[in-house]
Structures are given as C-alpha cells and as structure tokens.
Amino acid sequence: MGPSATCVGTGRLQAAVEVVRLRHRVMRADIVALLRALAQTEIRLLFFKGFALSEVHFDEPGARPYADVDALVSERDVIAVLSVARRNVSVKRHGKVLGRSTSLGQAA
C-alpha cells in the first residue's frame, strides 16, 4: 500500500471518528433532556455499558463507540420512563427493558 492509500485510509478513519463523536453528542443531548424531565419525579435510571463507559472512563466522551444506550429502571417505573422519553427524546430509539426488547413508542 502506497502513501496515498494510507492518507485515504487515515481520512476515512478520521471521518468515522467524527461520526462517532457527533452521534455521541446527539445521544447525550437526548439523555440530558430525559434526565431533566425525570428530575421532577422519584424515578432513577442507572446507565451502564457503552454510553456510561464513554462518559466516565474515556478521556474524550464519545471516544468509545456504542450502538445504543443501556439503562436500568425499576419495573414499576418502566411505563412512566417510556412516556417521558417519548416526549423528550428527539429520535425514536429502542432498548432492552427487563430483558425484553421494548420500543420507546410502546411498552412491552
């Protein structure tokens, strides 16, 4: 592989990194909106895996790629969280709720 191929590969990698960073900023903004809306309630979420690791354990938030945002919530609060999320999250997303796949658009 010649120098020009290396430059093209590096450019693609840099572009991919920028996409991951931008995606993280969008996801983070949605999470902040959700948490602000939930601040008026007694509902608590525990974020873990990808998003949480990206925020806490990496020098640059968004440096760790992830496909979704994982959160634990009490079973009694699932419907309320989904309702608040539908009103406060800018893009419809899917997640795991109590081990079942649940859309933010409808409860399991």
Protein backbone atom coordinates (compact mmCIF):
# COMPACT_ATOMS: atom_id res chain seq x y z
CA MET A 1 0.00 0.00 0.00
CA GLY A 2 1.45 3.35 -1.04
CA PRO A 3 1.40 6.69 0.78
CA SER A 4 -1.75 7.89 -0.98
CA ALA A 5 -3.66 4.77 0.12
CA THR A 6 -2.54 5.40 3.69
CA CYS A 7 -3.78 9.01 3.50
CA VAL A 8 -7.15 7.85 2.16
CA GLY A 9 -7.39 5.23 4.92
CA THR A 10 -6.48 7.80 7.56
CA GLY A 11 -9.03 10.25 6.17
CA ARG A 12 -11.75 7.60 6.31
CA LEU A 13 -10.81 6.70 9.87
CA GLN A 14 -10.89 10.35 10.92
CA ALA A 15 -14.29 10.76 9.27
CA ALA A 16 -15.59 7.67 11.09
CA VAL A 17 -14.30 9.02 14.41
CA GLU A 18 -16.09 12.33 13.77
CA VAL A 19 -19.34 10.46 13.07
CA VAL A 20 -18.98 8.59 16.39
CA ARG A 21 -18.32 11.87 18.24
CA LEU A 22 -21.31 13.60 16.63
CA ARG A 23 -23.58 10.64 17.34
CA HIS A 24 -22.46 10.69 20.98
CA ARG A 25 -23.28 14.40 21.30
CA VAL A 26 -26.78 13.80 19.90
CA MET A 27 -27.38 10.81 22.18
CA ARG A 28 -26.02 12.73 25.17
CA ALA A 29 -28.36 15.66 24.48
CA ASP A 30 -31.32 13.25 24.44
CA ILE A 31 -30.21 11.68 27.72
CA VAL A 32 -29.78 15.09 29.36
CA ALA A 33 -33.31 16.06 28.22
CA LEU A 34 -34.69 12.80 29.60
CA LEU A 35 -32.89 13.22 32.94
CA ARG A 36 -34.08 16.82 33.26
CA ALA A 37 -37.66 15.69 32.69
CA LEU A 38 -37.24 12.86 35.22
CA ALA A 39 -35.67 15.20 37.80
CA GLN A 40 -39.20 16.24 38.80
CA THR A 41 -40.03 12.62 39.70
CA GLU A 42 -38.68 9.99 42.05
CA ILE A 43 -37.63 7.85 39.08
CA ARG A 44 -33.96 6.98 38.85
CA LEU A 45 -32.08 5.43 35.93
CA LEU A 46 -28.77 3.62 36.05
CA PHE A 47 -26.83 3.89 32.81
CA PHE A 48 -24.24 1.22 32.07
CA LYS A 49 -22.10 -0.26 29.31
CA GLY A 50 -21.39 1.80 26.16
CA PHE A 51 -22.72 5.29 26.83
CA ALA A 52 -21.83 5.28 30.52
CA LEU A 53 -18.31 4.00 29.84
CA SER A 54 -17.85 6.58 27.12
CA GLU A 55 -18.83 9.37 29.51
CA VAL A 56 -16.91 8.21 32.58
CA HIS A 57 -13.89 6.13 31.60
CA PHE A 58 -12.59 7.74 28.43
CA ASP A 59 -10.59 10.95 28.19
CA GLU A 60 -12.88 12.17 25.43
CA PRO A 61 -16.60 11.43 25.76
CA GLY A 62 -17.75 9.67 22.63
CA ALA A 63 -14.37 8.02 22.05
CA ARG A 64 -15.87 4.61 22.79
CA PRO A 65 -18.29 3.54 20.06
CA TYR A 66 -21.61 2.03 21.13
CA ALA A 67 -24.82 1.06 19.37
CA ASP A 68 -27.42 2.04 21.96
CA VAL A 69 -27.87 3.39 25.47
CA ASP A 70 -28.41 0.82 28.19
CA ALA A 71 -30.23 1.81 31.36
CA LEU A 72 -31.81 0.01 34.28
CA VAL A 73 -35.06 1.24 35.74
CA SER A 74 -37.41 -0.18 38.36
CA GLU A 75 -40.14 -2.35 36.86
CA ARG A 76 -42.82 -0.10 38.40
CA ASP A 77 -41.35 2.91 36.56
CA VAL A 78 -40.95 1.46 33.06
CA ILE A 79 -44.20 2.88 31.63
CA ALA A 80 -43.52 6.32 33.12
CA VAL A 81 -39.95 6.39 31.76
CA LEU A 82 -41.13 5.36 28.31
CA SER A 83 -43.80 8.06 28.38
CA VAL A 84 -41.32 10.76 29.43
CA ALA A 85 -38.82 9.51 26.83
CA ARG A 86 -41.40 9.72 24.03
CA ARG A 87 -41.93 13.39 24.89
CA ASN A 88 -38.27 14.32 25.43
CA VAL A 89 -36.09 12.21 23.16
CA SER A 90 -35.63 13.68 19.70
CA VAL A 91 -35.25 10.40 17.82
CA LYS A 92 -37.20 7.20 18.36
CA ARG A 93 -34.85 4.65 19.82
CA HIS A 94 -35.12 1.07 21.04
CA GLY A 95 -33.83 -0.52 24.20
CA LYS A 96 -33.89 -3.50 26.48
CA VAL A 97 -36.34 -3.30 29.34
CA LEU A 98 -36.19 -6.09 31.89
CA GLY A 99 -34.55 -8.35 29.33
CA ARG A 100 -37.30 -7.74 26.77
CA SER A 101 -36.90 -5.60 23.70
CA THR A 102 -39.15 -2.56 24.05
CA SER A 103 -39.60 0.39 21.76
CA LEU A 104 -39.84 3.86 23.26
CA GLY A 105 -43.04 4.09 21.24
CA GLN A 106 -44.82 1.29 23.09
CA ALA A 107 -44.36 -0.58 26.34
CA ALA A 108 -43.79 -4.33 26.47
